């Protein structure tokens, strides 16, 4: 099984998210809620080079979208 993560405006659109889950029933579909996603991604990449502390576990909030009929 593959996983699809959606970020940004489309992740907040329930119709789009449910249609995506329906279009890919063999995949798990998640809507993410990430503030400043690009900045966070860059910080995670360089983290080991400037900070020896572990990354916080709750950096990303995910909501699983079920394949339901609309």
PDB file of N, CA and C in Angstrom:
ATOM      1  N   UNK A   1       0.844  -1.174   0.000  1.00  0.00           N
ATOM      2  CA  UNK A   1       0.000   0.000   0.000  1.00  0.00           C
ATOM      3  C   UNK A   1       0.898   1.249   0.000  1.00  0.00           C
ATOM      4  N   UNK A   2       0.543   2.198  -0.822  1.00  0.00           N
ATOM      5  CA  UNK A   2       1.232   3.481  -0.851  1.00  0.00           C
ATOM      6  C   UNK A   2       0.413   4.504  -0.074  1.00  0.00           C
ATOM      7  N   UNK A   3       1.060   5.586   0.300  1.00  0.00           N
ATOM      8  CA  UNK A   3       0.397   6.644   1.056  1.00  0.00           C
ATOM      9  C   UNK A   3       0.475   7.941   0.275  1.00  0.00           C
ATOM     10  N   UNK A   4      -0.640   8.670   0.236  1.00  0.00           N
ATOM     11  CA  UNK A   4      -0.709   9.977  -0.422  1.00  0.00           C
ATOM     12  C   UNK A   4      -0.915  11.027   0.661  1.00  0.00           C
ATOM     13  N   UNK A   5      -0.042  12.030   0.688  1.00  0.00           N
ATOM     14  CA  UNK A   5      -0.164  13.146   1.621  1.00  0.00           C
ATOM     15  C   UNK A   5      -0.506  14.399   0.829  1.00  0.00           C
ATOM     16  N   UNK A   6      -1.506  15.139   1.272  1.00  0.00           N
ATOM     17  CA  UNK A   6      -1.912  16.373   0.604  1.00  0.00           C
ATOM     18  C   UNK A   6      -1.737  17.521   1.580  1.00  0.00           C
ATOM     19  N   UNK A   7      -1.086  18.585   1.123  1.00  0.00           N
ATOM     20  CA  UNK A   7      -0.842  19.763   1.949  1.00  0.00           C
ATOM     21  C   UNK A   7      -1.379  20.981   1.213  1.00  0.00           C
ATOM     22  N   UNK A   8      -1.570  22.046   1.927  1.00  0.00           N
ATOM     23  CA  UNK A   8      -2.017  23.283   1.308  1.00  0.00           C
ATOM     24  C   UNK A   8      -3.532  23.371   1.227  1.00  0.00           C
ATOM     25  N   UNK A   9      -4.011  24.210   0.348  1.00  0.00           N
ATOM     26  CA  UNK A   9      -5.432  24.490   0.249  1.00  0.00           C
ATOM     27  C   UNK A   9      -6.293  23.279  -0.065  1.00  0.00           C
ATOM     28  N   UNK A  10      -5.808  22.395  -0.946  1.00  0.00           N
ATOM     29  CA  UNK A  10      -6.604  21.222  -1.297  1.00  0.00           C
ATOM     30  C   UNK A  10      -6.817  20.294  -0.113  1.00  0.00           C
ATOM     31  N   UNK A  11      -5.897  20.289   0.842  1.00  0.00           N
ATOM     32  CA  UNK A  11      -6.053  19.405   2.009  1.00  0.00           C
ATOM     33  C   UNK A  11      -7.230  19.833   2.884  1.00  0.00           C
ATOM     34  N   UNK A  12      -7.686  21.063   2.716  1.00  0.00           N
ATOM     35  CA  UNK A  12      -8.813  21.585   3.504  1.00  0.00           C
ATOM     36  C   UNK A  12     -10.142  21.471   2.758  1.00  0.00           C
ATOM     37  N   UNK A  13     -10.104  20.889   1.562  1.00  0.00           N
ATOM     38  CA  UNK A  13     -11.302  20.740   0.744  1.00  0.00           C
ATOM     39  C   UNK A  13     -11.825  19.308   0.881  1.00  0.00           C
ATOM     40  N   UNK A  14     -12.885  19.098   1.674  1.00  0.00           N
ATOM     41  CA  UNK A  14     -13.359  17.732   1.922  1.00  0.00           C
ATOM     42  C   UNK A  14     -13.840  17.011   0.668  1.00  0.00           C
ATOM     43  N   UNK A  15     -14.420  17.725  -0.276  1.00  0.00           N
ATOM     44  CA  UNK A  15     -14.888  17.078  -1.506  1.00  0.00           C
ATOM     45  C   UNK A  15     -13.698  16.538  -2.292  1.00  0.00           C
ATOM     46  N   UNK A  16     -12.682  17.375  -2.483  1.00  0.00           N
ATOM     47  CA  UNK A  16     -11.487  16.928  -3.207  1.00  0.00           C
ATOM     48  C   UNK A  16     -10.835  15.747  -2.504  1.00  0.00           C
ATOM     49  N   UNK A  17     -10.698  15.832  -1.181  1.00  0.00           N
ATOM     50  CA  UNK A  17     -10.007  14.783  -0.431  1.00  0.00           C
ATOM     51  C   UNK A  17     -10.747  13.451  -0.523  1.00  0.00           C
ATOM     52  N   UNK A  18     -12.074  13.484  -0.425  1.00  0.00           N
ATOM     53  CA  UNK A  18     -12.835  12.242  -0.524  1.00  0.00           C
ATOM     54  C   UNK A  18     -12.825  11.680  -1.948  1.00  0.00           C
ATOM     55  N   UNK A  19     -12.849  12.546  -2.943  1.00  0.00           N
ATOM     56  CA  UNK A  19     -12.746  12.076  -4.323  1.00  0.00           C
ATOM     57  C   UNK A  19     -11.371  11.466  -4.587  1.00  0.00           C
ATOM     58  N   UNK A  20     -10.336  12.040  -4.018  1.00  0.00           N
ATOM     59  CA  UNK A  20      -8.986  11.494  -4.154  1.00  0.00           C
ATOM     60  C   UNK A  20      -8.905  10.105  -3.517  1.00  0.00           C
ATOM     61  N   UNK A  21      -9.465   9.971  -2.327  1.00  0.00           N
ATOM     62  CA  UNK A  21      -9.476   8.668  -1.651  1.00  0.00           C
ATOM     63  C   UNK A  21     -10.265   7.643  -2.471  1.00  0.00           C
ATOM     64  N   UNK A  22     -11.344   8.075  -3.074  1.00  0.00           N
ATOM     65  CA  UNK A  22     -12.164   7.177  -3.903  1.00  0.00           C
ATOM     66  C   UNK A  22     -11.415   6.791  -5.180  1.00  0.00           C
ATOM     67  N   UNK A  23     -10.664   7.726  -5.749  1.00  0.00           N
ATOM     68  CA  UNK A  23      -9.919   7.462  -6.982  1.00  0.00           C
ATOM     69  C   UNK A  23      -8.742   6.522  -6.756  1.00  0.00           C
ATOM     70  N   UNK A  24      -8.225   6.499  -5.529  1.00  0.00           N
ATOM     71  CA  UNK A  24      -7.079   5.647  -5.197  1.00  0.00           C
ATOM     72  C   UNK A  24      -7.415   4.776  -3.990  1.00  0.00           C
ATOM     73  N   UNK A  25      -8.362   3.857  -4.120  1.00  0.00           N
ATOM     74  CA  UNK A  25      -8.812   3.070  -2.966  1.00  0.00           C
ATOM     75  C   UNK A  25      -7.730   2.165  -2.383  1.00  0.00           C
ATOM     76  N   UNK A  26      -6.704   1.842  -3.172  1.00  0.00           N
ATOM     77  CA  UNK A  26      -5.635   0.979  -2.682  1.00  0.00           C
ATOM     78  C   UNK A  26      -4.587   1.750  -1.869  1.00  0.00           C
ATOM     79  N   UNK A  27      -4.721   3.065  -1.805  1.00  0.00           N
ATOM     80  CA  UNK A  27      -3.763   3.909  -1.084  1.00  0.00           C
ATOM     81  C   UNK A  27      -4.395   4.548   0.144  1.00  0.00           C
ATOM     82  N   UNK A  28      -3.583   4.809   1.127  1.00  0.00           N
ATOM     83  CA  UNK A  28      -4.030   5.593   2.284  1.00  0.00           C
ATOM     84  C   UNK A  28      -3.876   7.066   1.924  1.00  0.00           C
ATOM     85  N   UNK A  29      -4.902   7.868   2.167  1.00  0.00           N
ATOM     86  CA  UNK A  29      -4.872   9.297   1.834  1.00  0.00           C
ATOM     87  C   UNK A  29      -4.961  10.100   3.126  1.00  0.00           C
ATOM     88  N   UNK A  30      -4.020  11.037   3.287  1.00  0.00           N
ATOM     89  CA  UNK A  30      -3.972  11.871   4.485  1.00  0.00           C
ATOM     90  C   UNK A  30      -3.958  13.341   4.106  1.00  0.00           C
ATOM     91  N   UNK A  31      -4.712  14.137   4.849  1.00  0.00           N
ATOM     92  CA  UNK A  31      -4.641  15.593   4.746  1.00  0.00           C
ATOM     93  C   UNK A  31      -3.687  16.046   5.835  1.00  0.00           C
ATOM     94  N   UNK A  32      -2.711  16.858   5.474  1.00  0.00           N
ATOM     95  CA  UNK A  32      -1.762  17.330   6.471  1.00  0.00           C
ATOM     96  C   UNK A  32      -2.042  18.780   6.828  1.00  0.00           C
ATOM     97  N   UNK A  33      -1.682  19.103   8.038  1.00  0.00           N
ATOM     98  CA  UNK A  33      -1.805  20.482   8.515  1.00  0.00           C
ATOM     99  C   UNK A  33      -0.432  20.895   9.011  1.00  0.00           C
ATOM    100  N   UNK A  34       0.324  21.539   8.128  1.00  0.00           N
ATOM    101  CA  UNK A  34       1.697  21.909   8.442  1.00  0.00           C
ATOM    102  C   UNK A  34       1.848  23.414   8.252  1.00  0.00           C
ATOM    103  N   UNK A  35       2.118  24.108   9.340  1.00  0.00           N
ATOM    104  CA  UNK A  35       2.374  25.537   9.227  1.00  0.00           C
ATOM    105  C   UNK A  35       3.760  25.744   8.639  1.00  0.00           C
ATOM    106  N   UNK A  36       3.856  26.614   7.674  1.00  0.00           N
ATOM    107  CA  UNK A  36       5.141  26.944   7.053  1.00  0.00           C
ATOM    108  C   UNK A  36       5.862  25.685   6.574  1.00  0.00           C
ATOM    109  N   UNK A  37       5.196  24.887   5.758  1.00  0.00           N
ATOM    110  CA  UNK A  37       5.706  23.579   5.338  1.00  0.00           C
ATOM    111  C   UNK A  37       7.084  23.658   4.679  1.00  0.00           C
ATOM    112  N   UNK A  38       7.307  24.617   3.803  1.00  0.00           N
ATOM    113  CA  UNK A  38       8.608  24.717   3.126  1.00  0.00           C
ATOM    114  C   UNK A  38       9.719  25.020   4.118  1.00  0.00           C
ATOM    115  N   UNK A  39       9.456  25.942   5.020  1.00  0.00           N
ATOM    116  CA  UNK A  39      10.464  26.289   6.033  1.00  0.00           C
ATOM    117  C   UNK A  39      10.727  25.110   6.952  1.00  0.00           C
ATOM    118  N   UNK A  40       9.675  24.409   7.342  1.00  0.00           N
ATOM    119  CA  UNK A  40       9.833  23.247   8.210  1.00  0.00           C
ATOM    120  C   UNK A  40      10.646  22.165   7.504  1.00  0.00           C
ATOM    121  N   UNK A  41      10.352  21.922   6.237  1.00  0.00           N
ATOM    122  CA  UNK A  41      11.108  20.927   5.475  1.00  0.00           C
ATOM    123  C   UNK A  41      12.590  21.262   5.404  1.00  0.00           C
ATOM    124  N   UNK A  42      12.911  22.521   5.160  1.00  0.00           N
ATOM    125  CA  UNK A  42      14.311  22.937   5.112  1.00  0.00           C
ATOM    126  C   UNK A  42      14.984  22.758   6.473  1.00  0.00           C
ATOM    127  N   UNK A  43      14.284  23.105   7.532  1.00  0.00           N
ATOM    128  CA  UNK A  43      14.842  22.964   8.880  1.00  0.00           C
ATOM    129  C   UNK A  43      15.086  21.500   9.227  1.00  0.00           C
ATOM    130  N   UNK A  44      14.186  20.612   8.821  1.00  0.00           N
ATOM    131  CA  UNK A  44      14.358  19.183   9.098  1.00  0.00           C
ATOM    132  C   UNK A  44      15.577  18.638   8.360  1.00  0.00           C
ATOM    133  N   UNK A  45      15.790  19.084   7.129  1.00  0.00           N
ATOM    134  CA  UNK A  45      16.932  18.611   6.346  1.00  0.00           C
ATOM    135  C   UNK A  45      18.256  19.007   6.989  1.00  0.00           C
ATOM    136  N   UNK A  46      18.372  20.238   7.478  1.00  0.00           N
ATOM    137  CA  UNK A  46      19.649  20.689   8.043  1.00  0.00           C
ATOM    138  C   UNK A  46      19.766  20.431   9.549  1.00  0.00           C
ATOM    139  N   UNK A  47      18.701  19.942  10.159  1.00  0.00           N
ATOM    140  CA  UNK A  47      18.681  19.735  11.612  1.00  0.00           C
ATOM    141  C   UNK A  47      19.893  18.975  12.149  1.00  0.00           C
ATOM    142  N   UNK A  48      20.300  17.852  11.571  1.00  0.00           N
ATOM    143  CA  UNK A  48      21.421  17.100  12.137  1.00  0.00           C
ATOM    144  C   UNK A  48      22.744  17.859  12.136  1.00  0.00           C
ATOM    145  N   UNK A  49      22.850  18.901  11.332  1.00  0.00           N
ATOM    146  CA  UNK A  49      24.102  19.635  11.216  1.00  0.00           C
ATOM    147  C   UNK A  49      24.230  20.787  12.200  1.00  0.00           C
ATOM    148  N   UNK A  50      23.121  21.172  12.830  1.00  0.00           N
ATOM    149  CA  UNK A  50      23.192  22.303  13.756  1.00  0.00           C
ATOM    150  C   UNK A  50      22.565  22.031  15.112  1.00  0.00           C
ATOM    151  N   UNK A  51      21.860  20.927  15.261  1.00  0.00           N
ATOM    152  CA  UNK A  51      21.181  20.667  16.523  1.00  0.00           C
ATOM    153  C   UNK A  51      21.254  19.181  16.826  1.00  0.00           C
ATOM    154  N   UNK A  52      21.826  18.834  17.961  1.00  0.00           N
ATOM    155  CA  UNK A  52      21.986  17.424  18.326  1.00  0.00           C
ATOM    156  C   UNK A  52      20.747  16.862  19.044  1.00  0.00           C
ATOM    157  N   UNK A  53      19.795  17.709  19.389  1.00  0.00           N
ATOM    158  CA  UNK A  53      18.577  17.241  20.050  1.00  0.00           C
ATOM    159  C   UNK A  53      17.667  16.565  19.022  1.00  0.00           C
ATOM    160  N   UNK A  54      16.854  15.600  19.472  1.00  0.00           N
ATOM    161  CA  UNK A  54      15.922  14.963  18.524  1.00  0.00           C
ATOM    162  C   UNK A  54      14.823  15.931  18.087  1.00  0.00           C
ATOM    163  N   UNK A  55      14.272  15.667  16.913  1.00  0.00           N
ATOM    164  CA  UNK A  55      13.158  16.478  16.422  1.00  0.00           C
ATOM    165  C   UNK A  55      11.925  16.220  17.278  1.00  0.00           C
ATOM    166  N   UNK A  56      11.114  17.236  17.509  1.00  0.00           N
ATOM    167  CA  UNK A  56       9.850  17.020  18.221  1.00  0.00           C
ATOM    168  C   UNK A  56       8.969  16.054  17.423  1.00  0.00           C
ATOM    169  N   UNK A  57       8.200  15.238  18.119  1.00  0.00           N
ATOM    170  CA  UNK A  57       7.379  14.237  17.444  1.00  0.00           C
ATOM    171  C   UNK A  57       6.135  14.818  16.787  1.00  0.00           C
ATOM    172  N   UNK A  58       5.614  15.927  17.241  1.00  0.00           N
ATOM    173  CA  UNK A  58       4.350  16.460  16.737  1.00  0.00           C
ATOM    174  C   UNK A  58       4.545  17.639  15.785  1.00  0.00           C
ATOM    175  N   UNK A  59       5.465  17.510  14.840  1.00  0.00           N
ATOM    176  CA  UNK A  59       5.681  18.582  13.866  1.00  0.00           C
ATOM    177  C   UNK A  59       4.577  18.639  12.817  1.00  0.00           C
ATOM    178  N   UNK A  60       3.970  17.492  12.541  1.00  0.00           N
ATOM    179  CA  UNK A  60       2.974  17.399  11.479  1.00  0.00           C
ATOM    180  C   UNK A  60       1.697  16.776  12.038  1.00  0.00           C
ATOM    181  N   UNK A  61       0.579  17.360  11.688  1.00  0.00           N
ATOM    182  CA  UNK A  61      -0.725  16.811  12.061  1.00  0.00           C
ATOM    183  C   UNK A  61      -1.336  16.187  10.813  1.00  0.00           C
ATOM    184  N   UNK A  62      -1.737  14.918  10.921  1.00  0.00           N
ATOM    185  CA  UNK A  62      -2.328  14.218   9.784  1.00  0.00           C
ATOM    186  C   UNK A  62      -3.743  13.762  10.103  1.00  0.00           C
ATOM    187  N   UNK A  63      -4.612  13.827   9.093  1.00  0.00           N
ATOM    188  CA  UNK A  63      -5.982  13.349   9.225  1.00  0.00           C
ATOM    189  C   UNK A  63      -6.223  12.349   8.110  1.00  0.00           C
ATOM    190  N   UNK A  64      -6.513  11.085   8.460  1.00  0.00           N
ATOM    191  CA  UNK A  64      -6.762  10.070   7.443  1.00  0.00           C
ATOM    192  C   UNK A  64      -8.135  10.294   6.820  1.00  0.00           C
ATOM    193  N   UNK A  65      -8.177  10.257   5.496  1.00  0.00           N
ATOM    194  CA  UNK A  65      -9.415  10.433   4.742  1.00  0.00           C
ATOM    195  C   UNK A  65      -9.899   9.055   4.326  1.00  0.00           C
ATOM    196  N   UNK A  66     -11.096   8.725   4.728  1.00  0.00           N
ATOM    197  CA  UNK A  66     -11.664   7.425   4.409  1.00  0.00           C
ATOM    198  C   UNK A  66     -12.316   7.456   3.027  1.00  0.00           C
ATOM    199  N   UNK A  67     -12.264   6.332   2.347  1.00  0.00           N
ATOM    200  CA  UNK A  67     -12.885   6.195   1.046  1.00  0.00           C
ATOM    201  C   UNK A  67     -14.375   5.939   1.254  1.00  0.00           C
ATOM    202  N   UNK A  68     -15.138   7.011   1.289  1.00  0.00           N
ATOM    203  CA  UNK A  68     -16.582   6.900   1.514  1.00  0.00           C
ATOM    204  C   UNK A  68     -17.316   7.429   0.287  1.00  0.00           C
ATOM    205  N   UNK A  69     -18.541   7.023   0.158  1.00  0.00           N
ATOM    206  CA  UNK A  69     -19.349   7.511  -0.959  1.00  0.00           C
ATOM    207  C   UNK A  69     -19.873   8.894  -0.637  1.00  0.00           C
ATOM    208  N   UNK A  70     -19.858   9.758  -1.632  1.00  0.00           N
ATOM    209  CA  UNK A  70     -20.366  11.119  -1.465  1.00  0.00           C
ATOM    210  C   UNK A  70     -21.829  11.182  -1.817  1.00  0.00           C
TER     211      UNK A  70
END
